[in-house]
Amino acid sequence: MTDLLYSEAESDLRAAVRALLADRAAPAALPARLEGTGPHDAALWRALAGDVGAAGLLVPEELGGQGAGPREAAVVLEELGRAVTPLPYLTSSVVATRTLLALAPAGGPPAGPAAGLLAELAAGRRTAVLALPLTTGPGAPEPGAPEPGSPTPTDPPPPAGHRPRTPAAETPAPAPHTIPAPAPAPIPAVADAVLADVLLVPRPDGLHAVDAADAEIRPLTPLDLTRPLAAVTVPADAAGTRLAEPAASRAAVREGLLAGAGLLASEQLGLAEWCLEESVRHTRTRHQFNRPVGSFQALKHRMAELWLEVTAARAAARNAADALATGSADAPLAVAVAQAYCSRVAVHAAEECVQLHGGTGMTWEHPAHVYLKRAKADQLAYGSAGHHKDTLAGLVGLPAPAGR
């Protein structure tokens, strides 16, 4: 394990992102933006992705990126979580980018269409999302995966001249007319699809890059208004560009989802930190009985417990980011631990923030409710806590009791 403390470069990156968000995306202004033209700020995205260079942190320098890694991307996500910034950084610059990077041949960067798309994503000129439900976690069944017991490309072919025997009673009669193929089913709850230029669509024949303009994208009303969801229907005739064979596609999608789950923990960490700091600030300045409410022992204990949880969440999130950055064999274990723990801490911190603000925390004008909704939505993003606990149990050899 490497040093989990923040390096000087990571601290400088944090300062740059925090300054940008403080100037352009202050949390206090977020409820008003949600009521107005919408939370997404295209100019802010261009500043973060292009000017700061955050969109290319995971992309190699030879493809126009920064050549950094998940640790640096985790720092950006901490700051985005602190401000609950409605930008497609996690979905495009982490999950989609990591999926494309996983298509690279051994010992080199991706080539062909994937390389061109990565260069566009790194520069912030385009965004892409993986066309799967936001709730899909690492290791979950994916579209295009073969069913258990179905033939695979490695199965031996039948002998020459072999014809399967079919009982006469089961021989189907000729169809009087051709039945049209069923329409493609919509993919539910795809995060940031309404903001994407390109959809990465897993299909039975591999991974395809499809222009978002060629798909039907129907916005949904999510709990968390800062991360838009949509039902996506990709027509069968929208073939797009095939990026990978089925096996490589499934491996790349798993890698993208693993990175998304692991670095989501850093976003949850930043969210929990803001909630704790805001709660401490408010209870220091709010007076009852001629003394700050934060001086009452019951509230001190609640905030002290929350501080311990946030500190532990930082260790778990940093460990997951470092495991992804170093390509550790324990990365799935670190990600499962981080998600199972950080998702709970973020919700607890947001709940405490709302409650410790009293009546103020219950109003629309105060941003505490926005943090709580993001935390609750993040509990299901890239796998629920239960999914990650099951994964963790399997990795360490502690399966759940039979009949659970």
Protein backbone atom coordinates (compact mmCIF):
# COMPACT_ATOMS: atom_id res chain seq x y z
CA MET A 1 0.00 0.00 0.00
CA THR A 2 1.27 3.46 -0.86
CA ASP A 3 0.92 6.60 1.25
CA LEU A 4 -2.76 7.52 1.48
CA LEU A 5 -2.02 11.12 2.49
CA TYR A 6 -2.64 13.82 -0.10
CA SER A 7 0.39 14.74 -2.18
CA GLU A 8 1.34 18.33 -2.92
CA ALA A 9 -0.02 18.00 -6.46
CA GLU A 10 -3.32 16.65 -5.12
CA SER A 11 -3.58 19.51 -2.64
CA ASP A 12 -2.94 22.04 -5.41
CA LEU A 13 -5.61 20.39 -7.55
CA ARG A 14 -8.04 20.54 -4.64
CA ALA A 15 -7.37 24.25 -4.15
CA ALA A 16 -7.99 25.00 -7.83
CA VAL A 17 -11.25 23.04 -7.98
CA ARG A 18 -12.51 24.45 -4.67
CA ALA A 19 -11.82 28.00 -5.77
CA LEU A 20 -13.66 27.45 -9.05
CA LEU A 21 -16.70 25.94 -7.35
CA ALA A 22 -16.79 28.59 -4.62
CA ASP A 23 -16.95 31.24 -7.33
CA ARG A 24 -19.35 29.52 -9.73
CA ALA A 25 -21.30 26.87 -7.80
CA ALA A 26 -21.83 27.93 -4.19
CA PRO A 27 -24.13 25.51 -2.34
CA ALA A 28 -26.32 28.35 -1.06
CA ALA A 29 -27.35 29.19 -4.63
CA LEU A 30 -28.17 25.61 -5.63
CA PRO A 31 -31.86 25.51 -4.58
CA ALA A 32 -32.56 28.59 -6.68
CA ARG A 33 -30.81 27.04 -9.69
CA LEU A 34 -32.91 23.91 -9.33
CA GLU A 35 -36.04 26.04 -9.60
CA GLY A 36 -34.73 28.10 -12.52
CA THR A 37 -33.25 27.05 -15.83
CA GLY A 38 -31.85 23.81 -14.43
CA PRO A 39 -28.85 22.83 -12.38
CA HIS A 40 -26.42 22.08 -15.21
CA ASP A 41 -23.98 24.88 -16.02
CA ALA A 42 -22.29 24.33 -19.38
CA ALA A 43 -19.80 27.16 -18.80
CA LEU A 44 -18.78 25.66 -15.45
CA TRP A 45 -18.26 22.27 -17.12
CA ARG A 46 -16.01 23.84 -19.75
CA ALA A 47 -14.00 25.57 -17.03
CA LEU A 48 -13.57 22.41 -14.94
CA ALA A 49 -13.07 19.96 -17.79
CA GLY A 50 -11.01 22.11 -20.14
CA ASP A 51 -9.40 24.95 -18.20
CA VAL A 52 -8.58 22.98 -15.05
CA GLY A 53 -8.08 19.80 -17.08
CA ALA A 54 -10.08 17.61 -14.72
CA ALA A 55 -11.84 15.68 -17.50
CA GLY A 56 -8.54 14.25 -18.72
CA LEU A 57 -7.04 13.14 -15.41
CA LEU A 58 -7.48 9.44 -16.23
CA VAL A 59 -6.48 9.79 -19.90
CA PRO A 60 -2.84 9.21 -20.97
CA GLU A 61 -0.87 12.21 -22.17
CA GLU A 62 -0.43 10.73 -25.65
CA LEU A 63 -4.22 10.96 -26.07
CA GLY A 64 -4.40 14.56 -24.85
CA GLY A 65 -5.06 13.84 -21.17
CA GLN A 66 -3.22 14.68 -17.99
CA GLY A 67 -1.78 11.22 -17.42
CA ALA A 68 -2.77 11.27 -13.74
CA GLY A 69 -4.97 8.62 -12.13
CA PRO A 70 -7.83 7.72 -9.81
CA ARG A 71 -6.25 9.40 -6.79
CA GLU A 72 -6.38 12.78 -8.51
CA ALA A 73 -9.88 12.13 -9.85
CA ALA A 74 -10.94 11.25 -6.31
CA VAL A 75 -9.78 14.68 -5.11
CA VAL A 76 -11.94 16.35 -7.77
CA LEU A 77 -14.92 14.23 -6.73
CA GLU A 78 -14.45 15.15 -3.07
CA GLU A 79 -14.80 18.81 -4.02
CA LEU A 80 -17.75 18.14 -6.33
CA GLY A 81 -19.40 16.25 -3.48
CA ARG A 82 -18.80 19.13 -1.06
CA ALA A 83 -20.72 21.44 -3.37
CA VAL A 84 -23.14 18.78 -4.73
CA THR A 85 -22.16 20.14 -8.13
CA PRO A 86 -24.49 18.98 -10.92
CA LEU A 87 -21.84 18.06 -13.48
CA PRO A 88 -21.36 14.76 -15.39
CA TYR A 89 -17.87 14.19 -14.02
CA LEU A 90 -18.44 10.80 -12.39
CA THR A 91 -20.44 9.36 -15.28
CA SER A 92 -18.33 10.71 -18.15
CA SER A 93 -14.81 11.46 -16.89
CA VAL A 94 -14.64 8.39 -14.64
CA VAL A 95 -17.01 5.57 -15.62
CA ALA A 96 -17.16 6.08 -19.40
CA THR A 97 -13.48 7.04 -19.59
CA ARG A 98 -12.35 4.07 -17.53
CA THR A 99 -14.49 1.76 -19.66
CA LEU A 100 -12.81 3.02 -22.83
CA LEU A 101 -9.35 2.78 -21.26
CA ALA A 102 -10.02 -0.86 -20.38
CA LEU A 103 -10.27 -1.61 -24.12
CA ALA A 104 -6.55 -0.89 -24.54
CA PRO A 105 -4.31 -3.73 -25.68
CA ALA A 106 -1.78 -4.98 -23.17
CA GLY A 107 1.07 -2.53 -22.78
CA GLY A 108 -0.41 0.38 -24.71
CA PRO A 109 -3.19 2.96 -24.89
CA PRO A 110 -6.47 2.36 -26.72
CA ALA A 111 -6.42 2.65 -30.49
CA GLY A 112 -8.95 3.34 -33.20
CA PRO A 113 -12.35 4.90 -32.43
CA ALA A 114 -11.89 4.48 -28.67
CA ALA A 115 -8.72 6.58 -28.77
CA GLY A 116 -10.43 9.34 -30.72
CA LEU A 117 -13.35 9.43 -28.31
CA LEU A 118 -11.01 9.50 -25.31
CA ALA A 119 -9.22 12.53 -26.74
CA GLU A 120 -12.55 14.32 -27.10
CA LEU A 121 -13.57 13.44 -23.54
CA ALA A 122 -10.20 14.53 -22.13
CA ALA A 123 -10.52 17.96 -23.74
CA GLY A 124 -14.06 18.40 -22.42
CA ARG A 125 -15.44 18.83 -25.93
CA ARG A 126 -17.77 15.85 -25.59
CA THR A 127 -19.28 13.79 -22.79
CA ALA A 128 -20.19 10.11 -22.75
CA VAL A 129 -22.15 7.86 -20.43
CA LEU A 130 -22.37 4.10 -20.06
CA ALA A 131 -25.92 3.15 -21.06
CA LEU A 132 -26.75 1.09 -17.99
CA PRO A 133 -29.01 1.88 -15.02
CA LEU A 134 -27.26 3.96 -12.35
CA THR A 135 -27.95 1.18 -9.86
CA THR A 136 -25.82 -1.36 -11.76
CA GLY A 137 -22.90 -2.36 -9.56
CA PRO A 138 -19.61 -4.12 -10.32
CA GLY A 139 -20.21 -7.80 -10.92
CA ALA A 140 -23.94 -7.40 -11.60
CA PRO A 141 -25.32 -9.16 -14.70
CA GLU A 142 -24.76 -7.03 -17.78
CA PRO A 143 -26.57 -6.91 -21.10
CA GLY A 144 -24.84 -9.18 -23.56
CA ALA A 145 -23.53 -11.62 -20.98
CA PRO A 146 -24.20 -15.25 -21.94
CA GLU A 147 -26.83 -17.08 -19.96
CA PRO A 148 -25.63 -19.98 -17.78
CA GLY A 149 -25.47 -23.12 -19.90
CA SER A 150 -25.69 -21.29 -23.21
CA PRO A 151 -23.14 -22.06 -25.94
CA THR A 152 -20.05 -19.87 -25.98
CA PRO A 153 -17.59 -19.15 -28.80
CA THR A 154 -15.19 -21.64 -27.20
CA ASP A 155 -17.63 -24.56 -27.27
CA PRO A 156 -16.59 -27.26 -29.79
CA PRO A 157 -18.67 -27.29 -32.99
CA PRO A 158 -21.03 -30.21 -33.62
CA PRO A 159 -19.75 -33.05 -35.87
CA ALA A 160 -20.08 -32.60 -39.63
CA GLY A 161 -23.53 -33.58 -40.84
CA HIS A 162 -24.96 -33.60 -37.32
CA ARG A 163 -28.64 -32.69 -37.18
CA PRO A 164 -30.43 -32.43 -33.83
CA ARG A 165 -33.33 -34.82 -33.48
CA THR A 166 -36.71 -33.19 -32.94
CA PRO A 167 -39.78 -35.31 -32.04
CA ALA A 168 -42.43 -35.09 -34.72
CA ALA A 169 -44.95 -33.81 -32.22
CA GLU A 170 -42.69 -30.88 -31.44
CA THR A 171 -41.90 -29.94 -35.04
CA PRO A 172 -43.16 -26.37 -35.47
CA ALA A 173 -45.55 -25.67 -38.29
CA PRO A 174 -44.57 -23.04 -40.85
CA ALA A 175 -45.58 -19.58 -39.76
CA PRO A 176 -48.27 -18.08 -41.99
CA HIS A 177 -46.67 -14.67 -41.71
CA THR A 178 -43.53 -13.09 -40.35
CA ILE A 179 -43.73 -11.76 -36.80
CA PRO A 180 -41.91 -8.44 -36.46
CA ALA A 181 -39.01 -8.27 -34.03
CA PRO A 182 -39.89 -6.68 -30.68
CA ALA A 183 -38.89 -3.08 -30.18
CA PRO A 184 -35.77 -2.51 -28.05
CA ALA A 185 -36.60 -2.19 -24.38
CA PRO A 186 -35.72 1.14 -22.77
CA ILE A 187 -32.76 1.22 -20.39
CA PRO A 188 -34.09 2.78 -17.17
CA ALA A 189 -32.42 5.37 -14.94
CA VAL A 190 -29.33 6.17 -17.01
CA ALA A 191 -27.54 8.99 -15.18
CA ASP A 192 -26.59 12.14 -17.12
CA ALA A 193 -27.86 10.72 -20.42
CA VAL A 194 -29.65 14.01 -21.13
CA LEU A 195 -26.26 15.77 -21.02
CA ALA A 196 -24.29 13.19 -23.02
CA ASP A 197 -23.05 13.42 -26.58
CA VAL A 198 -22.20 9.71 -26.85
CA LEU A 199 -23.76 6.59 -25.35
CA LEU A 200 -21.60 3.53 -24.67
CA VAL A 201 -24.09 0.75 -25.28
CA PRO A 202 -23.30 -2.86 -24.23
CA ARG A 203 -24.91 -5.28 -26.68
CA PRO A 204 -24.71 -9.04 -27.19
CA ASP A 205 -22.18 -8.51 -30.00
CA GLY A 206 -19.98 -6.11 -28.02
CA LEU A 207 -19.67 -2.48 -26.94
CA HIS A 208 -20.96 0.24 -29.28
CA ALA A 209 -20.53 4.01 -29.26
CA VAL A 210 -23.83 5.55 -30.36
CA ASP A 211 -24.50 9.24 -30.85
CA ALA A 212 -27.02 10.41 -28.28
CA ALA A 213 -28.95 12.15 -31.07
CA ASP A 214 -29.72 8.71 -32.56
CA ALA A 215 -31.33 7.43 -29.36
CA GLU A 216 -34.60 8.26 -27.65
CA ILE A 217 -33.79 9.85 -24.29
CA ARG A 218 -36.80 10.44 -22.04
CA PRO A 219 -36.02 12.49 -18.90
CA LEU A 220 -37.29 11.12 -15.59
CA THR A 221 -38.03 12.91 -12.33
CA PRO A 222 -35.35 11.73 -9.88
CA LEU A 223 -35.12 12.18 -6.12
CA ASP A 224 -31.75 13.89 -6.61
CA LEU A 225 -32.37 16.78 -9.00
CA THR A 226 -28.64 17.45 -9.34
CA ARG A 227 -28.01 14.15 -11.18
CA PRO A 228 -30.58 13.81 -13.98
CA LEU A 229 -31.87 10.38 -14.93
CA ALA A 230 -33.44 9.27 -18.18
CA ALA A 231 -34.92 6.21 -19.84
CA VAL A 232 -32.82 5.50 -22.94
CA THR A 233 -34.03 3.56 -25.95
CA VAL A 234 -31.43 2.78 -28.59
CA PRO A 235 -33.08 1.71 -31.88
CA ALA A 236 -31.83 -1.48 -33.46
CA ASP A 237 -30.80 0.42 -36.57
CA ALA A 238 -28.63 2.83 -34.54
CA ALA A 239 -25.57 0.62 -34.80
CA GLY A 240 -23.03 3.33 -34.00
CA THR A 241 -19.38 2.32 -33.88
CA ARG A 242 -18.46 -1.08 -32.54
CA LEU A 243 -15.60 -0.67 -30.07
CA ALA A 244 -15.04 -4.18 -28.72
CA GLU A 245 -15.91 -7.86 -28.97
CA PRO A 246 -18.32 -9.32 -26.38
CA ALA A 247 -15.68 -10.64 -23.96
CA ALA A 248 -13.63 -7.44 -24.05
CA SER A 249 -16.82 -5.41 -23.73
CA ARG A 250 -17.90 -7.21 -20.57
CA ALA A 251 -14.45 -6.85 -19.01
CA ALA A 252 -14.34 -3.13 -19.86
CA VAL A 253 -17.82 -2.50 -18.45
CA ARG A 254 -16.87 -4.27 -15.21
CA GLU A 255 -13.76 -2.09 -14.96
CA GLY A 256 -15.79 1.08 -15.55
CA LEU A 257 -18.37 0.16 -12.93
CA LEU A 258 -15.66 -0.74 -10.42
CA ALA A 259 -14.02 2.65 -10.89
CA GLY A 260 -17.39 4.38 -10.60
CA ALA A 261 -18.23 2.63 -7.34
CA GLY A 262 -14.77 3.18 -5.88
CA LEU A 263 -14.56 6.89 -6.70
CA LEU A 264 -18.19 7.53 -5.77
CA ALA A 265 -16.96 6.95 -2.21
CA SER A 266 -14.84 10.10 -2.53
CA GLU A 267 -17.88 12.10 -3.62
CA GLN A 268 -19.76 10.75 -0.61
CA LEU A 269 -16.82 11.69 1.60
CA GLY A 270 -16.87 15.29 0.36
CA LEU A 271 -20.63 15.49 0.89
CA ALA A 272 -20.32 14.18 4.47
CA GLU A 273 -17.50 16.63 5.23
CA TRP A 274 -19.56 19.63 4.13
CA CYS A 275 -22.54 18.48 6.18
CA LEU A 276 -20.37 18.07 9.29
CA GLU A 277 -18.64 21.43 8.86
CA GLU A 278 -21.91 23.23 8.18
CA SER A 279 -23.51 21.62 11.24
CA VAL A 280 -20.61 22.68 13.47
CA ARG A 281 -20.69 26.22 12.05
CA HIS A 282 -24.43 26.55 12.59
CA THR A 283 -24.44 25.20 16.15
CA ARG A 284 -21.62 27.59 17.08
CA THR A 285 -23.56 30.65 15.95
CA ARG A 286 -27.11 29.60 16.86
CA HIS A 287 -27.95 30.58 20.48
CA GLN A 288 -30.57 29.29 22.90
CA PHE A 289 -30.78 30.11 26.60
CA ASN A 290 -28.04 32.67 26.02
CA ARG A 291 -25.47 30.09 24.89
CA PRO A 292 -24.50 28.41 21.59
CA VAL A 293 -26.57 25.29 20.97
CA GLY A 294 -23.35 23.51 20.07
CA SER A 295 -22.21 23.78 23.67
CA PHE A 296 -24.90 21.36 24.85
CA GLN A 297 -23.38 17.98 25.58
CA ALA A 298 -25.97 15.97 23.65
CA LEU A 299 -25.15 17.83 20.43
CA LYS A 300 -21.42 17.66 21.10
CA HIS A 301 -21.65 13.88 21.27
CA ARG A 302 -23.60 13.64 18.03
CA MET A 303 -21.09 15.76 16.13
CA ALA A 304 -18.12 13.98 17.69
CA GLU A 305 -19.53 10.63 16.58
CA LEU A 306 -20.09 12.02 13.11
CA TRP A 307 -16.50 13.29 12.98
CA LEU A 308 -15.25 9.78 13.75
CA GLU A 309 -17.40 8.34 10.98
CA VAL A 310 -16.18 10.91 8.45
CA THR A 311 -12.57 10.25 9.40
CA ALA A 312 -13.06 6.50 8.89
CA ALA A 313 -14.83 7.19 5.60
CA ARG A 314 -11.80 9.18 4.41
CA ALA A 315 -9.55 6.20 5.08
CA ALA A 316 -11.88 3.84 3.20
CA ALA A 317 -12.33 6.20 0.23
CA ARG A 318 -8.62 6.95 -0.06
CA ASN A 319 -7.78 3.26 0.11
CA ALA A 320 -10.22 2.50 -2.72
CA ALA A 321 -8.81 5.30 -4.89
CA ASP A 322 -5.25 4.15 -4.23
CA ALA A 323 -6.09 0.52 -5.01
CA LEU A 324 -7.59 1.59 -8.34
CA ALA A 325 -4.60 3.82 -9.09
CA THR A 326 -2.04 1.09 -8.45
CA GLY A 327 -4.01 -1.68 -10.13
CA SER A 328 -3.98 -3.67 -6.91
CA ALA A 329 -5.44 -7.16 -6.94
CA ASP A 330 -7.35 -6.08 -3.82
CA ALA A 331 -9.14 -3.27 -5.66
CA PRO A 332 -12.54 -5.07 -5.68
CA LEU A 333 -12.19 -5.64 -1.93
CA ALA A 334 -11.23 -2.00 -1.25
CA VAL A 335 -14.10 -0.73 -3.40
CA ALA A 336 -16.65 -2.98 -1.69
CA VAL A 337 -15.53 -1.81 1.76
CA ALA A 338 -15.54 1.85 0.74
CA GLN A 339 -19.02 1.77 -0.82
CA ALA A 340 -20.60 -0.30 1.94
CA TYR A 341 -19.34 2.18 4.53
CA CYS A 342 -19.25 5.60 2.85
CA SER A 343 -22.80 5.42 1.53
CA ARG A 344 -24.11 5.04 5.09
CA VAL A 345 -21.89 7.80 6.47
CA ALA A 346 -23.00 10.27 3.79
CA VAL A 347 -26.67 9.68 4.59
CA HIS A 348 -26.07 9.95 8.33
CA ALA A 349 -24.14 13.21 7.93
CA ALA A 350 -26.87 14.72 5.73
CA GLU A 351 -29.60 13.65 8.14
CA GLU A 352 -27.73 15.20 11.06
CA CYS A 353 -27.18 18.38 9.06
CA VAL A 354 -30.92 18.74 8.45
CA GLN A 355 -31.83 17.99 12.07
CA LEU A 356 -29.15 20.14 13.72
CA HIS A 357 -30.28 23.12 11.67
CA GLY A 358 -33.74 22.85 13.21
CA GLY A 359 -36.51 24.52 11.25
CA THR A 360 -34.01 26.16 8.89
CA GLY A 361 -32.84 22.76 7.68
CA MET A 362 -36.39 21.84 6.66
CA THR A 363 -36.80 24.74 4.24
CA TRP A 364 -36.30 24.63 0.47
CA GLU A 365 -34.05 27.68 0.58
CA HIS A 366 -31.39 25.97 2.67
CA PRO A 367 -29.30 23.45 0.67
CA ALA A 368 -29.31 20.75 3.38
CA HIS A 369 -32.17 18.90 1.68
CA VAL A 370 -30.20 18.82 -1.59
CA TYR A 371 -27.34 17.07 0.19
CA LEU A 372 -29.70 14.57 1.80
CA LYS A 373 -31.31 13.72 -1.53
CA ARG A 374 -27.92 13.26 -3.21
CA ALA A 375 -26.76 11.05 -0.33
CA LYS A 376 -29.89 8.89 -0.51
CA ALA A 377 -29.62 8.54 -4.29
CA ASP A 378 -25.94 7.67 -4.01
CA GLN A 379 -26.83 4.80 -1.68
CA LEU A 380 -28.08 2.93 -4.74
CA ALA A 381 -25.62 4.23 -7.33
CA TYR A 382 -23.25 1.59 -8.74
CA GLY A 383 -24.60 -1.02 -6.39
CA SER A 384 -26.37 -0.79 -3.05
CA ALA A 385 -24.61 -1.31 0.26
CA GLY A 386 -26.14 -4.79 0.36
CA HIS A 387 -24.66 -5.60 -3.05
CA HIS A 388 -21.21 -4.53 -1.91
CA LYS A 389 -21.53 -6.41 1.37
CA ASP A 390 -22.39 -9.58 -0.56
CA THR A 391 -19.37 -8.95 -2.79
CA LEU A 392 -17.18 -8.41 0.26
CA ALA A 393 -18.46 -11.61 1.88
CA GLY A 394 -17.60 -13.60 -1.25
CA LEU A 395 -14.12 -12.06 -1.52
CA VAL A 396 -13.16 -12.86 2.06
CA GLY A 397 -14.87 -16.26 2.18
CA LEU A 398 -17.76 -15.39 4.48
CA PRO A 399 -20.90 -16.29 2.53
CA ALA A 400 -24.32 -15.34 3.85
CA PRO A 401 -26.28 -17.99 5.82
CA ALA A 402 -28.28 -20.40 3.69
CA GLY A 403 -31.92 -19.46 3.24
CA ARG A 404 -31.31 -15.77 3.85
